[in-house]
Amino acid sequence: ICREILALLLQQGARLARRGEFTERAFINGKIDLTQAESVLDIIQAKTAKQGRLAVSTLTGRLGKQIDLIRSELLSVQTRVVAGIDFPEEIGDAPEPEIEEVAKRARAQLFSLSQTAKSGRFLREGLKLALVGRPNAGKSSLLNQLLKFERAIVTPIAGTTRDSIEEILDLNGIPITLVDTAGIRHTEDQVELIGIERSRQAIAEADLIILLLDLTAGWKEAEDQIYEYAKEKSILLVANKIDLFESDLANKIKEEMYFPKHL
């Protein structure tokens, strides 16, 4: 019935609204500001409840009102300065201490708002987290454990994962894109080399790196190579396979071969 009614309306000259047209009209007509217009898309694209609540909060105009208050104070001072220049005898110069106070307060408030931008972006767009390490370090096992289902194939054979695997995880309302990468090591295998190159690309695109260290193997050339790729990123070092130690763990982890000084 709805389709038939819509078809008749279109036959009579009506047209379908463009994507975002009502939001666009509301913005053009001054019903909402730009932050509210952007939040409409954020609500549509929200993947978690926390993302939705953040977008709704912005849609109410809270952020826009804060910006408007700062702007109003600055415009008021600007008006007094311009009026003092145009009519020096009637109005006189605006007091410098007052101008400095308003400018200082506005700068502090804007800086405070800018500090929330990064966390807001993470809430809105999510985080990309790359699991990296040598072959058979336990990356795929960790991925499956975090996701609570068997997403990646796990075998004792090194090099099982040949390509990057991505999956979304809702972590306390923040969408996390987990990337299980191919193990990085020196190899002549052409297929494995392609997987390693994709691992490097995943590291470059990630917001956070989890570097899995196989304690039974220790920190070797492969880990140095991985660290070189990821040293510009935030790295979380995770020691794995503690249960396979043959000797006292406390003595082992003190050795530089397991935890280099630069970490």
C-alpha atoms as a PDB file:
ATOM      1  CA  ILE A   1       0.000   0.000   0.000  1.00  0.00           C
ATOM      2  CA  CYS A   2       2.777   2.418   0.928  1.00  0.00           C
ATOM      3  CA  ARG A   3       4.610   1.727  -2.341  1.00  0.00           C
ATOM      4  CA  GLU A   4       1.432   2.328  -4.366  1.00  0.00           C
ATOM      5  CA  ILE A   5       0.740   5.631  -2.601  1.00  0.00           C
ATOM      6  CA  LEU A   6       4.322   6.724  -3.132  1.00  0.00           C
ATOM      7  CA  ALA A   7       4.177   5.791  -6.822  1.00  0.00           C
ATOM      8  CA  LEU A   8       0.986   7.851  -7.288  1.00  0.00           C
ATOM      9  CA  LEU A   9       2.569  10.858  -5.565  1.00  0.00           C
ATOM     10  CA  LEU A  10       5.622  10.635  -7.829  1.00  0.00           C
ATOM     11  CA  GLN A  11       3.354  10.401 -10.893  1.00  0.00           C
ATOM     12  CA  GLN A  12       1.675  13.647  -9.814  1.00  0.00           C
ATOM     13  CA  GLY A  13       4.989  15.536  -9.739  1.00  0.00           C
ATOM     14  CA  ALA A  14       6.334  14.893  -6.229  1.00  0.00           C
ATOM     15  CA  ARG A  15       9.961  13.808  -5.852  1.00  0.00           C
ATOM     16  CA  LEU A  16      11.894  11.762  -3.344  1.00  0.00           C
ATOM     17  CA  ALA A  17      13.942  13.727  -0.857  1.00  0.00           C
ATOM     18  CA  ARG A  18      17.689  13.615  -1.337  1.00  0.00           C
ATOM     19  CA  ARG A  19      19.827  11.997   1.340  1.00  0.00           C
ATOM     20  CA  GLY A  20      20.192  14.431   4.204  1.00  0.00           C
ATOM     21  CA  GLU A  21      17.972  17.038   2.532  1.00  0.00           C
ATOM     22  CA  PHE A  22      15.863  17.786   5.624  1.00  0.00           C
ATOM     23  CA  THR A  23      18.995  18.122   7.761  1.00  0.00           C
ATOM     24  CA  GLU A  24      20.496  20.406   5.111  1.00  0.00           C
ATOM     25  CA  ARG A  25      17.376  22.595   5.068  1.00  0.00           C
ATOM     26  CA  ALA A  26      17.322  22.786   8.846  1.00  0.00           C
ATOM     27  CA  PHE A  27      20.945  23.966   8.841  1.00  0.00           C
ATOM     28  CA  ILE A  28      20.435  26.505   6.028  1.00  0.00           C
ATOM     29  CA  ASN A  29      17.359  27.923   7.792  1.00  0.00           C
ATOM     30  CA  GLY A  30      19.216  28.251  11.096  1.00  0.00           C
ATOM     31  CA  LYS A  31      17.232  25.596  12.960  1.00  0.00           C
ATOM     32  CA  ILE A  32      20.385  23.620  13.821  1.00  0.00           C
ATOM     33  CA  ASP A  33      24.103  24.424  13.781  1.00  0.00           C
ATOM     34  CA  LEU A  34      26.849  22.525  11.993  1.00  0.00           C
ATOM     35  CA  THR A  35      27.706  20.332  14.999  1.00  0.00           C
ATOM     36  CA  GLN A  36      24.072  19.225  15.211  1.00  0.00           C
ATOM     37  CA  ALA A  37      23.933  18.538  11.461  1.00  0.00           C
ATOM     38  CA  GLU A  38      27.033  16.335  11.745  1.00  0.00           C
ATOM     39  CA  SER A  39      25.546  14.480  14.724  1.00  0.00           C
ATOM     40  CA  VAL A  40      22.585  13.295  12.586  1.00  0.00           C
ATOM     41  CA  LEU A  41      24.984  11.241  10.468  1.00  0.00           C
ATOM     42  CA  ASP A  42      26.760  10.044  13.625  1.00  0.00           C
ATOM     43  CA  ILE A  43      23.429   8.722  14.974  1.00  0.00           C
ATOM     44  CA  ILE A  44      22.745   6.870  11.729  1.00  0.00           C
ATOM     45  CA  GLN A  45      26.232   5.339  11.645  1.00  0.00           C
ATOM     46  CA  ALA A  46      26.457   4.518  15.373  1.00  0.00           C
ATOM     47  CA  LYS A  47      27.509   0.910  15.979  1.00  0.00           C
ATOM     48  CA  THR A  48      27.248   0.939  19.793  1.00  0.00           C
ATOM     49  CA  ALA A  49      24.857   2.387  22.386  1.00  0.00           C
ATOM     50  CA  LYS A  50      27.597   4.692  23.688  1.00  0.00           C
ATOM     51  CA  GLN A  51      28.173   6.112  20.212  1.00  0.00           C
ATOM     52  CA  GLY A  52      24.437   6.745  19.893  1.00  0.00           C
ATOM     53  CA  ARG A  53      24.266   8.558  23.254  1.00  0.00           C
ATOM     54  CA  LEU A  54      27.223  10.772  22.313  1.00  0.00           C
ATOM     55  CA  ALA A  55      25.620  11.681  18.985  1.00  0.00           C
ATOM     56  CA  VAL A  56      22.258  12.450  20.635  1.00  0.00           C
ATOM     57  CA  SER A  57      24.051  14.646  23.179  1.00  0.00           C
ATOM     58  CA  THR A  58      25.590  16.645  20.324  1.00  0.00           C
ATOM     59  CA  LEU A  59      22.247  16.798  18.519  1.00  0.00           C
ATOM     60  CA  THR A  60      20.708  18.584  21.500  1.00  0.00           C
ATOM     61  CA  GLY A  61      23.109  21.443  20.759  1.00  0.00           C
ATOM     62  CA  ARG A  62      25.228  21.256  23.916  1.00  0.00           C
ATOM     63  CA  LEU A  63      28.534  21.583  22.052  1.00  0.00           C
ATOM     64  CA  GLY A  64      27.165  24.307  19.803  1.00  0.00           C
ATOM     65  CA  LYS A  65      25.924  26.308  22.812  1.00  0.00           C
ATOM     66  CA  GLN A  66      29.365  26.176  24.425  1.00  0.00           C
ATOM     67  CA  ILE A  67      30.974  27.460  21.225  1.00  0.00           C
ATOM     68  CA  ASP A  68      28.307  30.176  20.851  1.00  0.00           C
ATOM     69  CA  LEU A  69      28.965  31.463  24.383  1.00  0.00           C
ATOM     70  CA  ILE A  70      32.687  31.797  23.669  1.00  0.00           C
ATOM     71  CA  ARG A  71      31.973  33.456  20.329  1.00  0.00           C
ATOM     72  CA  SER A  72      29.509  35.910  21.904  1.00  0.00           C
ATOM     73  CA  GLU A  73      32.066  37.019  24.501  1.00  0.00           C
ATOM     74  CA  LEU A  74      34.711  37.581  21.831  1.00  0.00           C
ATOM     75  CA  LEU A  75      32.284  39.464  19.566  1.00  0.00           C
ATOM     76  CA  SER A  76      31.271  41.686  22.492  1.00  0.00           C
ATOM     77  CA  VAL A  77      34.893  42.644  23.117  1.00  0.00           C
ATOM     78  CA  GLN A  78      35.493  43.143  19.397  1.00  0.00           C
ATOM     79  CA  THR A  79      32.475  45.456  19.214  1.00  0.00           C
ATOM     80  CA  ARG A  80      33.795  47.579  22.091  1.00  0.00           C
ATOM     81  CA  VAL A  81      37.253  47.836  20.507  1.00  0.00           C
ATOM     82  CA  VAL A  82      35.845  48.852  17.085  1.00  0.00           C
ATOM     83  CA  ALA A  83      33.441  51.341  18.667  1.00  0.00           C
ATOM     84  CA  GLY A  84      36.293  52.868  20.665  1.00  0.00           C
ATOM     85  CA  ILE A  85      38.296  53.321  17.444  1.00  0.00           C
ATOM     86  CA  ASP A  86      35.355  54.872  15.561  1.00  0.00           C
ATOM     87  CA  PHE A  87      34.122  57.051  18.449  1.00  0.00           C
ATOM     88  CA  PRO A  88      37.136  57.663  20.720  1.00  0.00           C
ATOM     89  CA  GLU A  89      35.683  60.730  22.439  1.00  0.00           C
ATOM     90  CA  GLU A  90      32.256  59.253  23.250  1.00  0.00           C
ATOM     91  CA  ILE A  91      33.269  55.679  24.106  1.00  0.00           C
ATOM     92  CA  GLY A  92      37.019  55.638  24.639  1.00  0.00           C
ATOM     93  CA  ASP A  93      39.392  52.696  24.536  1.00  0.00           C
ATOM     94  CA  ALA A  94      38.354  49.344  25.931  1.00  0.00           C
ATOM     95  CA  PRO A  95      40.341  48.446  29.096  1.00  0.00           C
ATOM     96  CA  GLU A  96      43.286  46.221  28.127  1.00  0.00           C
ATOM     97  CA  PRO A  97      43.067  44.030  31.255  1.00  0.00           C
ATOM     98  CA  GLU A  98      39.446  43.238  30.427  1.00  0.00           C
ATOM     99  CA  ILE A  99      40.327  42.327  26.820  1.00  0.00           C
ATOM    100  CA  GLU A 100      43.184  40.125  27.989  1.00  0.00           C
ATOM    101  CA  GLU A 101      40.947  38.400  30.550  1.00  0.00           C
ATOM    102  CA  VAL A 102      38.253  37.593  27.979  1.00  0.00           C
ATOM    103  CA  ALA A 103      40.837  36.374  25.446  1.00  0.00           C
ATOM    104  CA  LYS A 104      42.571  34.251  28.069  1.00  0.00           C
ATOM    105  CA  ARG A 105      39.291  32.696  29.207  1.00  0.00           C
ATOM    106  CA  ALA A 106      38.179  32.001  25.627  1.00  0.00           C
ATOM    107  CA  ARG A 107      41.505  30.390  24.815  1.00  0.00           C
ATOM    108  CA  ALA A 108      41.315  28.148  27.897  1.00  0.00           C
ATOM    109  CA  GLN A 109      37.746  27.094  27.065  1.00  0.00           C
ATOM    110  CA  LEU A 110      38.588  26.356  23.424  1.00  0.00           C
ATOM    111  CA  PHE A 111      41.659  24.386  24.469  1.00  0.00           C
ATOM    112  CA  SER A 112      39.501  22.365  26.870  1.00  0.00           C
ATOM    113  CA  LEU A 113      37.049  21.592  24.061  1.00  0.00           C
ATOM    114  CA  SER A 114      39.888  20.647  21.698  1.00  0.00           C
ATOM    115  CA  GLN A 115      41.216  18.186  24.277  1.00  0.00           C
ATOM    116  CA  THR A 116      37.956  16.239  24.041  1.00  0.00           C
ATOM    117  CA  ALA A 117      38.215  16.019  20.249  1.00  0.00           C
ATOM    118  CA  LYS A 118      40.519  12.978  20.238  1.00  0.00           C
ATOM    119  CA  SER A 119      38.416  10.962  22.676  1.00  0.00           C
ATOM    120  CA  GLY A 120      35.296  12.078  20.800  1.00  0.00           C
ATOM    121  CA  ARG A 121      36.794  10.866  17.523  1.00  0.00           C
ATOM    122  CA  PHE A 122      37.596   7.495  19.065  1.00  0.00           C
ATOM    123  CA  LEU A 123      34.032   7.201  20.367  1.00  0.00           C
ATOM    124  CA  ARG A 124      32.599   8.262  17.017  1.00  0.00           C
ATOM    125  CA  GLU A 125      34.910   6.411  14.625  1.00  0.00           C
ATOM    126  CA  GLY A 126      36.295   3.708  16.896  1.00  0.00           C
ATOM    127  CA  LEU A 127      39.857   2.477  17.362  1.00  0.00           C
ATOM    128  CA  LYS A 128      41.972   0.241  15.202  1.00  0.00           C
ATOM    129  CA  LEU A 129      44.049  -2.245  17.171  1.00  0.00           C
ATOM    130  CA  ALA A 130      46.657  -4.421  15.450  1.00  0.00           C
ATOM    131  CA  LEU A 131      47.855  -7.704  16.950  1.00  0.00           C
ATOM    132  CA  VAL A 132      51.443  -8.200  15.812  1.00  0.00           C
ATOM    133  CA  GLY A 133      54.284 -10.568  16.580  1.00  0.00           C
ATOM    134  CA  ARG A 134      56.398 -13.366  15.181  1.00  0.00           C
ATOM    135  CA  PRO A 135      54.654 -16.427  13.651  1.00  0.00           C
ATOM    136  CA  ASN A 136      52.956 -18.633  16.258  1.00  0.00           C
ATOM    137  CA  ALA A 137      53.229 -15.994  19.007  1.00  0.00           C
ATOM    138  CA  GLY A 138      49.520 -16.398  19.830  1.00  0.00           C
ATOM    139  CA  LYS A 139      47.933 -13.528  17.875  1.00  0.00           C
ATOM    140  CA  SER A 140      45.060 -15.556  16.438  1.00  0.00           C
ATOM    141  CA  SER A 141      44.384 -17.203  19.804  1.00  0.00           C
ATOM    142  CA  LEU A 142      44.152 -13.761  21.431  1.00  0.00           C
ATOM    143  CA  LEU A 143      41.817 -12.558  18.665  1.00  0.00           C
ATOM    144  CA  ASN A 144      39.491 -15.513  19.222  1.00  0.00           C
ATOM    145  CA  GLN A 145      39.588 -15.016  22.975  1.00  0.00           C
ATOM    146  CA  LEU A 146      38.675 -11.329  22.706  1.00  0.00           C
ATOM    147  CA  LEU A 147      35.856 -12.029  20.249  1.00  0.00           C
ATOM    148  CA  LYS A 148      34.571 -15.056  22.223  1.00  0.00           C
ATOM    149  CA  PHE A 149      34.303 -17.169  19.070  1.00  0.00           C
ATOM    150  CA  GLU A 150      36.645 -18.973  16.686  1.00  0.00           C
ATOM    151  CA  ARG A 151      37.208 -16.299  14.037  1.00  0.00           C
ATOM    152  CA  ALA A 152      40.786 -17.223  13.085  1.00  0.00           C
ATOM    153  CA  ILE A 153      42.286 -20.652  12.418  1.00  0.00           C
ATOM    154  CA  VAL A 154      44.729 -21.658  15.154  1.00  0.00           C
ATOM    155  CA  THR A 155      47.305 -24.424  14.692  1.00  0.00           C
ATOM    156  CA  PRO A 156      50.760 -25.180  16.148  1.00  0.00           C
ATOM    157  CA  ILE A 157      52.194 -24.586  12.655  1.00  0.00           C
ATOM    158  CA  ALA A 158      54.004 -21.253  12.342  1.00  0.00           C
ATOM    159  CA  GLY A 159      52.675 -19.067   9.544  1.00  0.00           C
ATOM    160  CA  THR A 160      49.076 -20.340   9.602  1.00  0.00           C
ATOM    161  CA  THR A 161      47.758 -16.771   9.251  1.00  0.00           C
ATOM    162  CA  ARG A 162      48.843 -15.534   5.818  1.00  0.00           C
ATOM    163  CA  ASP A 163      46.558 -12.495   5.545  1.00  0.00           C
ATOM    164  CA  SER A 164      45.184  -9.825   7.877  1.00  0.00           C
ATOM    165  CA  ILE A 165      41.833 -10.605   9.498  1.00  0.00           C
ATOM    166  CA  GLU A 166      39.604  -7.757  10.723  1.00  0.00           C
ATOM    167  CA  GLU A 167      36.681  -8.002  13.141  1.00  0.00           C
ATOM    168  CA  ILE A 168      34.681  -5.443  15.162  1.00  0.00           C
ATOM    169  CA  LEU A 169      34.583  -5.672  18.961  1.00  0.00           C
ATOM    170  CA  ASP A 170      32.304  -3.569  21.185  1.00  0.00           C
ATOM    171  CA  LEU A 171      34.516  -2.676  24.144  1.00  0.00           C
ATOM    172  CA  ASN A 172      32.575  -0.661  26.759  1.00  0.00           C
ATOM    173  CA  GLY A 173      30.697   1.133  24.008  1.00  0.00           C
ATOM    174  CA  ILE A 174      33.764   1.876  21.867  1.00  0.00           C
ATOM    175  CA  PRO A 175      33.927  -0.003  18.545  1.00  0.00           C
ATOM    176  CA  ILE A 176      37.348  -1.611  18.250  1.00  0.00           C
ATOM    177  CA  THR A 177      38.537  -2.971  14.913  1.00  0.00           C
ATOM    178  CA  LEU A 178      40.792  -5.884  15.794  1.00  0.00           C
ATOM    179  CA  VAL A 179      43.335  -6.783  13.120  1.00  0.00           C
ATOM    180  CA  ASP A 180      45.031 -10.173  13.350  1.00  0.00           C
ATOM    181  CA  THR A 181      48.171  -9.903  11.234  1.00  0.00           C
ATOM    182  CA  ALA A 182      50.485 -12.412   9.627  1.00  0.00           C
ATOM    183  CA  GLY A 183      53.560 -13.218  11.675  1.00  0.00           C
ATOM    184  CA  ILE A 184      56.604 -11.093  10.839  1.00  0.00           C
ATOM    185  CA  ARG A 185      59.946 -12.827  10.309  1.00  0.00           C
ATOM    186  CA  HIS A 186      62.676 -13.211   7.684  1.00  0.00           C
ATOM    187  CA  THR A 187      61.399 -15.490   4.931  1.00  0.00           C
ATOM    188  CA  GLU A 188      61.801 -16.182   1.215  1.00  0.00           C
ATOM    189  CA  ASP A 189      58.233 -17.484   0.803  1.00  0.00           C
ATOM    190  CA  GLN A 190      56.505 -15.126  -1.663  1.00  0.00           C
ATOM    191  CA  VAL A 191      53.021 -15.666  -0.217  1.00  0.00           C
ATOM    192  CA  GLU A 192      54.277 -15.088   3.330  1.00  0.00           C
ATOM    193  CA  LEU A 193      56.113 -11.927   2.188  1.00  0.00           C
ATOM    194  CA  ILE A 194      52.823 -10.509   0.869  1.00  0.00           C
ATOM    195  CA  GLY A 195      51.215 -11.237   4.247  1.00  0.00           C
ATOM    196  CA  ILE A 196      54.099  -9.511   6.053  1.00  0.00           C
ATOM    197  CA  GLU A 197      53.705  -6.428   3.856  1.00  0.00           C
ATOM    198  CA  ARG A 198      50.022  -6.315   4.771  1.00  0.00           C
ATOM    199  CA  SER A 199      51.020  -6.612   8.423  1.00  0.00           C
ATOM    200  CA  ARG A 200      53.225  -3.535   7.999  1.00  0.00           C
ATOM    201  CA  GLN A 201      50.299  -1.688   6.440  1.00  0.00           C
ATOM    202  CA  ALA A 202      48.040  -2.698   9.355  1.00  0.00           C
ATOM    203  CA  ILE A 203      50.639  -1.357  11.800  1.00  0.00           C
ATOM    204  CA  ALA A 204      50.793   1.950   9.918  1.00  0.00           C
ATOM    205  CA  GLU A 205      46.990   2.344  10.031  1.00  0.00           C
ATOM    206  CA  ALA A 206      46.488   1.223  13.653  1.00  0.00           C
ATOM    207  CA  ASP A 207      45.871   3.520  16.644  1.00  0.00           C
ATOM    208  CA  LEU A 208      47.309   0.971  19.082  1.00  0.00           C
ATOM    209  CA  ILE A 209      49.681  -1.966  18.654  1.00  0.00           C
ATOM    210  CA  ILE A 210      49.589  -5.110  20.794  1.00  0.00           C
ATOM    211  CA  LEU A 211      52.976  -6.748  20.401  1.00  0.00           C
ATOM    212  CA  LEU A 212      52.826 -10.376  21.485  1.00  0.00           C
ATOM    213  CA  LEU A 213      56.111 -11.740  22.752  1.00  0.00           C
ATOM    214  CA  ASP A 214      56.586 -15.508  22.790  1.00  0.00           C
ATOM    215  CA  LEU A 215      58.440 -15.982  26.087  1.00  0.00           C
ATOM    216  CA  THR A 216      59.648 -19.419  25.046  1.00  0.00           C
ATOM    217  CA  ALA A 217      61.569 -17.821  22.165  1.00  0.00           C
ATOM    218  CA  GLY A 218      62.529 -14.513  23.781  1.00  0.00           C
ATOM    219  CA  TRP A 219      63.207 -11.163  22.170  1.00  0.00           C
ATOM    220  CA  LYS A 220      65.083 -11.801  18.942  1.00  0.00           C
ATOM    221  CA  GLU A 221      65.666 -10.246  15.535  1.00  0.00           C
ATOM    222  CA  ALA A 222      62.012 -10.675  14.514  1.00  0.00           C
ATOM    223  CA  GLU A 223      60.856  -8.559  17.487  1.00  0.00           C
ATOM    224  CA  ASP A 224      63.452  -5.879  16.658  1.00  0.00           C
ATOM    225  CA  GLN A 225      62.065  -5.761  13.134  1.00  0.00           C
ATOM    226  CA  ILE A 226      58.475  -5.441  14.386  1.00  0.00           C
ATOM    227  CA  TYR A 227      59.437  -2.748  16.879  1.00  0.00           C
ATOM    228  CA  GLU A 228      61.130  -0.795  14.096  1.00  0.00           C
ATOM    229  CA  TYR A 229      57.871  -0.844  12.106  1.00  0.00           C
ATOM    230  CA  ALA A 230      55.736   0.166  15.102  1.00  0.00           C
ATOM    231  CA  LYS A 231      57.971   2.441  17.198  1.00  0.00           C
ATOM    232  CA  GLU A 232      56.024   5.592  16.227  1.00  0.00           C
ATOM    233  CA  LYS A 233      52.804   4.049  17.579  1.00  0.00           C
ATOM    234  CA  SER A 234      51.508   3.346  21.077  1.00  0.00           C
ATOM    235  CA  ILE A 235      52.699  -0.182  21.850  1.00  0.00           C
ATOM    236  CA  LEU A 236      51.311  -2.538  24.467  1.00  0.00           C
ATOM    237  CA  LEU A 237      53.748  -5.399  25.058  1.00  0.00           C
ATOM    238  CA  VAL A 238      52.019  -8.670  25.979  1.00  0.00           C
ATOM    239  CA  ALA A 239      54.125 -11.612  27.190  1.00  0.00           C
ATOM    240  CA  ASN A 240      52.625 -14.918  26.108  1.00  0.00           C
ATOM    241  CA  LYS A 241      53.128 -18.673  26.743  1.00  0.00           C
ATOM    242  CA  ILE A 242      54.135 -18.273  30.383  1.00  0.00           C
ATOM    243  CA  ASP A 243      52.705 -21.742  31.043  1.00  0.00           C
ATOM    244  CA  LEU A 244      55.350 -23.317  28.769  1.00  0.00           C
ATOM    245  CA  PHE A 245      58.343 -22.126  30.805  1.00  0.00           C
ATOM    246  CA  GLU A 246      60.717 -24.825  31.915  1.00  0.00           C
ATOM    247  CA  SER A 247      62.425 -22.704  34.584  1.00  0.00           C
ATOM    248  CA  ASP A 248      61.611 -19.937  37.042  1.00  0.00           C
ATOM    249  CA  LEU A 249      59.704 -17.111  35.316  1.00  0.00           C
ATOM    250  CA  ALA A 250      60.894 -14.393  37.695  1.00  0.00           C
ATOM    251  CA  ASN A 251      64.513 -14.964  36.708  1.00  0.00           C
ATOM    252  CA  LYS A 252      63.731 -15.226  33.012  1.00  0.00           C
ATOM    253  CA  ILE A 253      61.861 -11.943  32.625  1.00  0.00           C
ATOM    254  CA  LYS A 254      64.746 -10.025  34.206  1.00  0.00           C
ATOM    255  CA  GLU A 255      67.007 -10.941  31.325  1.00  0.00           C
ATOM    256  CA  GLU A 256      67.430  -8.342  28.585  1.00  0.00           C
ATOM    257  CA  MET A 257      66.701 -10.964  25.925  1.00  0.00           C
ATOM    258  CA  TYR A 258      63.036 -10.890  27.014  1.00  0.00           C
ATOM    259  CA  PHE A 259      62.430  -7.205  27.697  1.00  0.00           C
ATOM    260  CA  PRO A 260      64.885  -4.846  25.942  1.00  0.00           C
ATOM    261  CA  LYS A 261      65.754  -1.587  27.668  1.00  0.00           C
ATOM    262  CA  HIS A 262      64.007   0.600  25.051  1.00  0.00           C
ATOM    263  CA  LEU A 263      60.659  -0.945  26.070  1.00  0.00           C
END
